[in-house]
Amino acid sequence: VTLEQLLSHVGGIPPDNDAFIRLLIASYGQDELNLDGLRRWLIGQWRGTPPASPPGTRFAYANLGYLIA
């Protein structure tokens, strides 16, 4: 996945959905982390999730793409 794909929402990341919202809610319990640590935690939690579509093939607005970028 390229930086351009992440920033243009065609990186294969699923759109902001219930699973992403649950992950954000879980992140509220990570009080000991600064912003960089929280970003690493979120990406670590999401890392094993398979792409929703092959990168570069389908638009799906995903805030997680910005976080990864």
PDB file of N, CA and C in Angstrom:
ATOM      1  N   VAL A   1       0.857  -1.169   0.000  1.00  0.00           N
ATOM      2  CA  VAL A   1       0.000   0.000   0.000  1.00  0.00           C
ATOM      3  C   VAL A   1       0.902   1.230   0.000  1.00  0.00           C
ATOM      4  N   THR A   2       0.593   2.162  -0.872  1.00  0.00           N
ATOM      5  CA  THR A   2       1.404   3.370  -0.957  1.00  0.00           C
ATOM      6  C   THR A   2       0.811   4.490  -0.108  1.00  0.00           C
ATOM      7  N   LEU A   3       1.630   5.485   0.168  1.00  0.00           N
ATOM      8  CA  LEU A   3       1.168   6.658   0.897  1.00  0.00           C
ATOM      9  C   LEU A   3       0.038   7.343   0.129  1.00  0.00           C
ATOM     10  N   GLU A   4       0.184   7.454  -1.175  1.00  0.00           N
ATOM     11  CA  GLU A   4      -0.853   8.064  -1.997  1.00  0.00           C
ATOM     12  C   GLU A   4      -2.172   7.296  -1.882  1.00  0.00           C
ATOM     13  N   GLN A   5      -2.111   5.967  -1.875  1.00  0.00           N
ATOM     14  CA  GLN A   5      -3.333   5.166  -1.741  1.00  0.00           C
ATOM     15  C   GLN A   5      -3.991   5.398  -0.380  1.00  0.00           C
ATOM     16  N   LEU A   6      -3.185   5.454   0.676  1.00  0.00           N
ATOM     17  CA  LEU A   6      -3.737   5.694   2.008  1.00  0.00           C
ATOM     18  C   LEU A   6      -4.435   7.048   2.077  1.00  0.00           C
ATOM     19  N   LEU A   7      -3.791   8.072   1.542  1.00  0.00           N
ATOM     20  CA  LEU A   7      -4.339   9.422   1.631  1.00  0.00           C
ATOM     21  C   LEU A   7      -5.515   9.665   0.698  1.00  0.00           C
ATOM     22  N   SER A   8      -5.654   8.834  -0.326  1.00  0.00           N
ATOM     23  CA  SER A   8      -6.781   8.996  -1.254  1.00  0.00           C
ATOM     24  C   SER A   8      -7.872   7.944  -1.025  1.00  0.00           C
ATOM     25  N   HIS A   9      -7.768   7.219   0.075  1.00  0.00           N
ATOM     26  CA  HIS A   9      -8.800   6.265   0.510  1.00  0.00           C
ATOM     27  C   HIS A   9      -8.997   5.099  -0.462  1.00  0.00           C
ATOM     28  N   VAL A  10      -7.934   4.667  -1.094  1.00  0.00           N
ATOM     29  CA  VAL A  10      -7.994   3.474  -1.946  1.00  0.00           C
ATOM     30  C   VAL A  10      -6.930   2.460  -1.514  1.00  0.00           C
ATOM     31  N   GLY A  11      -6.556   2.487  -0.234  1.00  0.00           N
ATOM     32  CA  GLY A  11      -5.512   1.608   0.278  1.00  0.00           C
ATOM     33  C   GLY A  11      -5.998   0.232   0.697  1.00  0.00           C
ATOM     34  N   GLY A  12      -7.292  -0.043   0.520  1.00  0.00           N
ATOM     35  CA  GLY A  12      -7.821  -1.344   0.902  1.00  0.00           C
ATOM     36  C   GLY A  12      -8.319  -1.403   2.331  1.00  0.00           C
ATOM     37  N   ILE A  13      -8.184  -0.314   3.061  1.00  0.00           N
ATOM     38  CA  ILE A  13      -8.661  -0.271   4.440  1.00  0.00           C
ATOM     39  C   ILE A  13     -10.175  -0.127   4.424  1.00  0.00           C
ATOM     40  N   PRO A  14     -10.885  -0.897   5.253  1.00  0.00           N
ATOM     41  CA  PRO A  14     -12.341  -0.783   5.255  1.00  0.00           C
ATOM     42  C   PRO A  14     -12.778   0.613   5.695  1.00  0.00           C
ATOM     43  N   PRO A  15     -13.953   1.031   5.273  1.00  0.00           N
ATOM     44  CA  PRO A  15     -14.444   2.342   5.703  1.00  0.00           C
ATOM     45  C   PRO A  15     -14.663   2.367   7.202  1.00  0.00           C
ATOM     46  N   ASP A  16     -14.787   3.572   7.738  1.00  0.00           N
ATOM     47  CA  ASP A  16     -15.065   3.703   9.169  1.00  0.00           C
ATOM     48  C   ASP A  16     -16.361   2.958   9.461  1.00  0.00           C
ATOM     49  N   ASN A  17     -16.221   1.831  10.174  1.00  0.00           N
ATOM     50  CA  ASN A  17     -17.361   0.947  10.430  1.00  0.00           C
ATOM     51  C   ASN A  17     -17.458   0.658  11.923  1.00  0.00           C
ATOM     52  N   ASP A  18     -18.343  -0.244  12.294  1.00  0.00           N
ATOM     53  CA  ASP A  18     -18.524  -0.563  13.714  1.00  0.00           C
ATOM     54  C   ASP A  18     -17.241  -1.086  14.357  1.00  0.00           C
ATOM     55  N   ALA A  19     -16.484  -1.896  13.639  1.00  0.00           N
ATOM     56  CA  ALA A  19     -15.231  -2.432  14.192  1.00  0.00           C
ATOM     57  C   ALA A  19     -14.241  -1.301  14.479  1.00  0.00           C
ATOM     58  N   PHE A  20     -14.167  -0.327  13.594  1.00  0.00           N
ATOM     59  CA  PHE A  20     -13.276   0.817  13.799  1.00  0.00           C
ATOM     60  C   PHE A  20     -13.756   1.650  14.989  1.00  0.00           C
ATOM     61  N   ILE A  21     -15.059   1.855  15.099  1.00  0.00           N
ATOM     62  CA  ILE A  21     -15.610   2.618  16.226  1.00  0.00           C
ATOM     63  C   ILE A  21     -15.318   1.902  17.547  1.00  0.00           C
ATOM     64  N   ARG A  22     -15.473   0.580  17.579  1.00  0.00           N
ATOM     65  CA  ARG A  22     -15.146  -0.184  18.798  1.00  0.00           C
ATOM     66  C   ARG A  22     -13.668  -0.037  19.151  1.00  0.00           C
ATOM     67  N   LEU A  23     -12.810  -0.032  18.140  1.00  0.00           N
ATOM     68  CA  LEU A  23     -11.382   0.147  18.376  1.00  0.00           C
ATOM     69  C   LEU A  23     -11.109   1.538  18.958  1.00  0.00           C
ATOM     70  N   LEU A  24     -11.761   2.549  18.431  1.00  0.00           N
ATOM     71  CA  LEU A  24     -11.588   3.900  18.983  1.00  0.00           C
ATOM     72  C   LEU A  24     -12.047   3.964  20.431  1.00  0.00           C
ATOM     73  N   ILE A  25     -13.167   3.345  20.722  1.00  0.00           N
ATOM     74  CA  ILE A  25     -13.671   3.339  22.101  1.00  0.00           C
ATOM     75  C   ILE A  25     -12.680   2.624  23.021  1.00  0.00           C
ATOM     76  N   ALA A  26     -12.111   1.516  22.562  1.00  0.00           N
ATOM     77  CA  ALA A  26     -11.108   0.797  23.359  1.00  0.00           C
ATOM     78  C   ALA A  26      -9.869   1.658  23.589  1.00  0.00           C
ATOM     79  N   SER A  27      -9.576   2.539  22.647  1.00  0.00           N
ATOM     80  CA  SER A  27      -8.387   3.384  22.786  1.00  0.00           C
ATOM     81  C   SER A  27      -8.535   4.386  23.929  1.00  0.00           C
ATOM     82  N   TYR A  28      -9.773   4.685  24.336  1.00  0.00           N
ATOM     83  CA  TYR A  28      -9.973   5.628  25.436  1.00  0.00           C
ATOM     84  C   TYR A  28      -9.376   5.106  26.738  1.00  0.00           C
ATOM     85  N   GLY A  29      -9.199   3.803  26.860  1.00  0.00           N
ATOM     86  CA  GLY A  29      -8.615   3.208  28.058  1.00  0.00           C
ATOM     87  C   GLY A  29      -7.097   3.228  28.080  1.00  0.00           C
ATOM     88  N   GLN A  30      -6.487   3.760  27.059  1.00  0.00           N
ATOM     89  CA  GLN A  30      -5.025   3.782  26.956  1.00  0.00           C
ATOM     90  C   GLN A  30      -4.472   5.113  27.471  1.00  0.00           C
ATOM     91  N   ASP A  31      -4.867   5.493  28.653  1.00  0.00           N
ATOM     92  CA  ASP A  31      -4.542   6.815  29.212  1.00  0.00           C
ATOM     93  C   ASP A  31      -3.048   7.063  29.380  1.00  0.00           C
ATOM     94  N   GLU A  32      -2.267   5.997  29.546  1.00  0.00           N
ATOM     95  CA  GLU A  32      -0.841   6.180  29.817  1.00  0.00           C
ATOM     96  C   GLU A  32      -0.046   6.512  28.550  1.00  0.00           C
ATOM     97  N   LEU A  33      -0.678   6.426  27.383  1.00  0.00           N
ATOM     98  CA  LEU A  33       0.018   6.659  26.116  1.00  0.00           C
ATOM     99  C   LEU A  33      -0.117   8.103  25.665  1.00  0.00           C
ATOM    100  N   ASN A  34       0.986   8.635  25.099  1.00  0.00           N
ATOM    101  CA  ASN A  34       0.879   9.935  24.454  1.00  0.00           C
ATOM    102  C   ASN A  34       0.291   9.717  23.058  1.00  0.00           C
ATOM    103  N   LEU A  35       0.153  10.773  22.264  1.00  0.00           N
ATOM    104  CA  LEU A  35      -0.504  10.655  20.966  1.00  0.00           C
ATOM    105  C   LEU A  35       0.227   9.686  20.037  1.00  0.00           C
ATOM    106  N   ASP A  36       1.553   9.749  19.997  1.00  0.00           N
ATOM    107  CA  ASP A  36       2.305   8.809  19.151  1.00  0.00           C
ATOM    108  C   ASP A  36       2.111   7.373  19.615  1.00  0.00           C
ATOM    109  N   GLY A  37       2.139   7.160  20.926  1.00  0.00           N
ATOM    110  CA  GLY A  37       1.928   5.817  21.466  1.00  0.00           C
ATOM    111  C   GLY A  37       0.533   5.308  21.164  1.00  0.00           C
ATOM    112  N   LEU A  38      -0.441   6.191  21.248  1.00  0.00           N
ATOM    113  CA  LEU A  38      -1.819   5.805  20.952  1.00  0.00           C
ATOM    114  C   LEU A  38      -1.967   5.425  19.483  1.00  0.00           C
ATOM    115  N   ARG A  39      -1.317   6.149  18.593  1.00  0.00           N
ATOM    116  CA  ARG A  39      -1.353   5.798  17.163  1.00  0.00           C
ATOM    117  C   ARG A  39      -0.733   4.425  16.933  1.00  0.00           C
ATOM    118  N   ARG A  40       0.416   4.174  17.569  1.00  0.00           N
ATOM    119  CA  ARG A  40       1.060   2.857  17.435  1.00  0.00           C
ATOM    120  C   ARG A  40       0.147   1.755  17.977  1.00  0.00           C
ATOM    121  N   TRP A  41      -0.511   2.013  19.090  1.00  0.00           N
ATOM    122  CA  TRP A  41      -1.420   1.031  19.674  1.00  0.00           C
ATOM    123  C   TRP A  41      -2.563   0.728  18.714  1.00  0.00           C
ATOM    124  N   LEU A  42      -3.193   1.763  18.156  1.00  0.00           N
ATOM    125  CA  LEU A  42      -4.301   1.570  17.219  1.00  0.00           C
ATOM    126  C   LEU A  42      -3.864   0.760  16.002  1.00  0.00           C
ATOM    127  N   ILE A  43      -2.726   1.113  15.427  1.00  0.00           N
ATOM    128  CA  ILE A  43      -2.232   0.377  14.263  1.00  0.00           C
ATOM    129  C   ILE A  43      -1.910  -1.062  14.642  1.00  0.00           C
ATOM    130  N   GLY A  44      -1.315  -1.260  15.813  1.00  0.00           N
ATOM    131  CA  GLY A  44      -1.015  -2.618  16.271  1.00  0.00           C
ATOM    132  C   GLY A  44      -2.263  -3.469  16.426  1.00  0.00           C
ATOM    133  N   GLN A  45      -3.338  -2.854  16.906  1.00  0.00           N
ATOM    134  CA  GLN A  45      -4.598  -3.577  17.065  1.00  0.00           C
ATOM    135  C   GLN A  45      -5.213  -3.928  15.713  1.00  0.00           C
ATOM    136  N   TRP A  46      -5.033  -3.066  14.736  1.00  0.00           N
ATOM    137  CA  TRP A  46      -5.662  -3.239  13.419  1.00  0.00           C
ATOM    138  C   TRP A  46      -4.810  -4.071  12.470  1.00  0.00           C
ATOM    139  N   ARG A  47      -3.523  -4.198  12.752  1.00  0.00           N
ATOM    140  CA  ARG A  47      -2.548  -4.773  11.822  1.00  0.00           C
ATOM    141  C   ARG A  47      -2.937  -6.132  11.249  1.00  0.00           C
ATOM    142  N   GLY A  48      -3.552  -6.990  11.978  1.00  0.00           N
ATOM    143  CA  GLY A  48      -3.888  -8.326  11.488  1.00  0.00           C
ATOM    144  C   GLY A  48      -5.163  -8.393  10.665  1.00  0.00           C
ATOM    145  N   THR A  49      -5.835  -7.267  10.482  1.00  0.00           N
ATOM    146  CA  THR A  49      -7.096  -7.242   9.740  1.00  0.00           C
ATOM    147  C   THR A  49      -6.820  -7.303   8.242  1.00  0.00           C
ATOM    148  N   PRO A  50      -7.426  -8.246   7.528  1.00  0.00           N
ATOM    149  CA  PRO A  50      -7.191  -8.329   6.079  1.00  0.00           C
ATOM    150  C   PRO A  50      -7.793  -7.128   5.352  1.00  0.00           C
ATOM    151  N   PRO A  51      -7.234  -6.768   4.207  1.00  0.00           N
ATOM    152  CA  PRO A  51      -7.784  -5.641   3.441  1.00  0.00           C
ATOM    153  C   PRO A  51      -9.232  -5.909   3.033  1.00  0.00           C
ATOM    154  N   ALA A  52     -10.010  -4.845   2.946  1.00  0.00           N
ATOM    155  CA  ALA A  52     -11.396  -4.959   2.505  1.00  0.00           C
ATOM    156  C   ALA A  52     -11.464  -5.128   0.994  1.00  0.00           C
ATOM    157  N   SER A  53     -10.443  -4.637   0.316  1.00  0.00           N
ATOM    158  CA  SER A  53     -10.338  -4.761  -1.143  1.00  0.00           C
ATOM    159  C   SER A  53      -8.864  -4.646  -1.509  1.00  0.00           C
ATOM    160  N   PRO A  54      -8.470  -5.120  -2.685  1.00  0.00           N
ATOM    161  CA  PRO A  54      -7.076  -4.967  -3.083  1.00  0.00           C
ATOM    162  C   PRO A  54      -6.703  -3.482  -3.159  1.00  0.00           C
ATOM    163  N   PRO A  55      -5.543  -3.108  -2.622  1.00  0.00           N
ATOM    164  CA  PRO A  55      -5.133  -1.705  -2.665  1.00  0.00           C
ATOM    165  C   PRO A  55      -5.189  -1.140  -4.085  1.00  0.00           C
ATOM    166  N   GLY A  56      -5.716   0.081  -4.172  1.00  0.00           N
ATOM    167  CA  GLY A  56      -5.788   0.775  -5.435  1.00  0.00           C
ATOM    168  C   GLY A  56      -7.008   0.481  -6.270  1.00  0.00           C
ATOM    169  N   THR A  57      -7.933  -0.351  -5.759  1.00  0.00           N
ATOM    170  CA  THR A  57      -9.063  -0.767  -6.592  1.00  0.00           C
ATOM    171  C   THR A  57     -10.402  -0.162  -6.193  1.00  0.00           C
ATOM    172  N   ARG A  58     -10.550   0.263  -4.936  1.00  0.00           N
ATOM    173  CA  ARG A  58     -11.875   0.691  -4.491  1.00  0.00           C
ATOM    174  C   ARG A  58     -11.766   1.824  -3.477  1.00  0.00           C
ATOM    175  N   PHE A  59     -12.571   2.858  -3.642  1.00  0.00           N
ATOM    176  CA  PHE A  59     -12.605   3.976  -2.699  1.00  0.00           C
ATOM    177  C   PHE A  59     -13.417   3.587  -1.474  1.00  0.00           C
ATOM    178  N   ALA A  60     -12.870   3.861  -0.300  1.00  0.00           N
ATOM    179  CA  ALA A  60     -13.588   3.670   0.962  1.00  0.00           C
ATOM    180  C   ALA A  60     -13.023   4.671   1.959  1.00  0.00           C
ATOM    181  N   TYR A  61     -13.828   5.654   2.351  1.00  0.00           N
ATOM    182  CA  TYR A  61     -13.344   6.673   3.279  1.00  0.00           C
ATOM    183  C   TYR A  61     -12.979   6.017   4.603  1.00  0.00           C
ATOM    184  N   ALA A  62     -11.702   6.140   4.975  1.00  0.00           N
ATOM    185  CA  ALA A  62     -11.220   5.493   6.196  1.00  0.00           C
ATOM    186  C   ALA A  62     -10.246   6.405   6.915  1.00  0.00           C
ATOM    187  N   ASN A  63     -10.642   6.876   8.091  1.00  0.00           N
ATOM    188  CA  ASN A  63      -9.751   7.707   8.884  1.00  0.00           C
ATOM    189  C   ASN A  63      -8.494   6.955   9.300  1.00  0.00           C
ATOM    190  N   LEU A  64      -8.592   5.643   9.402  1.00  0.00           N
ATOM    191  CA  LEU A  64      -7.430   4.836   9.766  1.00  0.00           C
ATOM    192  C   LEU A  64      -6.313   4.985   8.726  1.00  0.00           C
ATOM    193  N   GLY A  65      -6.660   5.214   7.488  1.00  0.00           N
ATOM    194  CA  GLY A  65      -5.643   5.429   6.453  1.00  0.00           C
ATOM    195  C   GLY A  65      -4.773   6.637   6.775  1.00  0.00           C
ATOM    196  N   TYR A  66      -5.388   7.703   7.261  1.00  0.00           N
ATOM    197  CA  TYR A  66      -4.620   8.884   7.660  1.00  0.00           C
ATOM    198  C   TYR A  66      -3.732   8.568   8.859  1.00  0.00           C
ATOM    199  N   LEU A  67      -4.252   7.812   9.790  1.00  0.00           N
ATOM    200  CA  LEU A  67      -3.493   7.448  10.965  1.00  0.00           C
ATOM    201  C   LEU A  67      -2.254   6.629  10.582  1.00  0.00           C
ATOM    202  N   ILE A  68      -2.427   5.692   9.660  1.00  0.00           N
ATOM    203  CA  ILE A  68      -1.303   4.871   9.216  1.00  0.00           C
ATOM    204  C   ILE A  68      -0.290   5.718   8.465  1.00  0.00           C
ATOM    205  N   ALA A  69      -0.796   6.613   7.626  1.00  0.00           N
ATOM    206  CA  ALA A  69       0.103   7.496   6.864  1.00  0.00           C
ATOM    207  C   ALA A  69       0.908   8.367   7.801  1.00  0.00           C
TER     208      ALA A  69
END
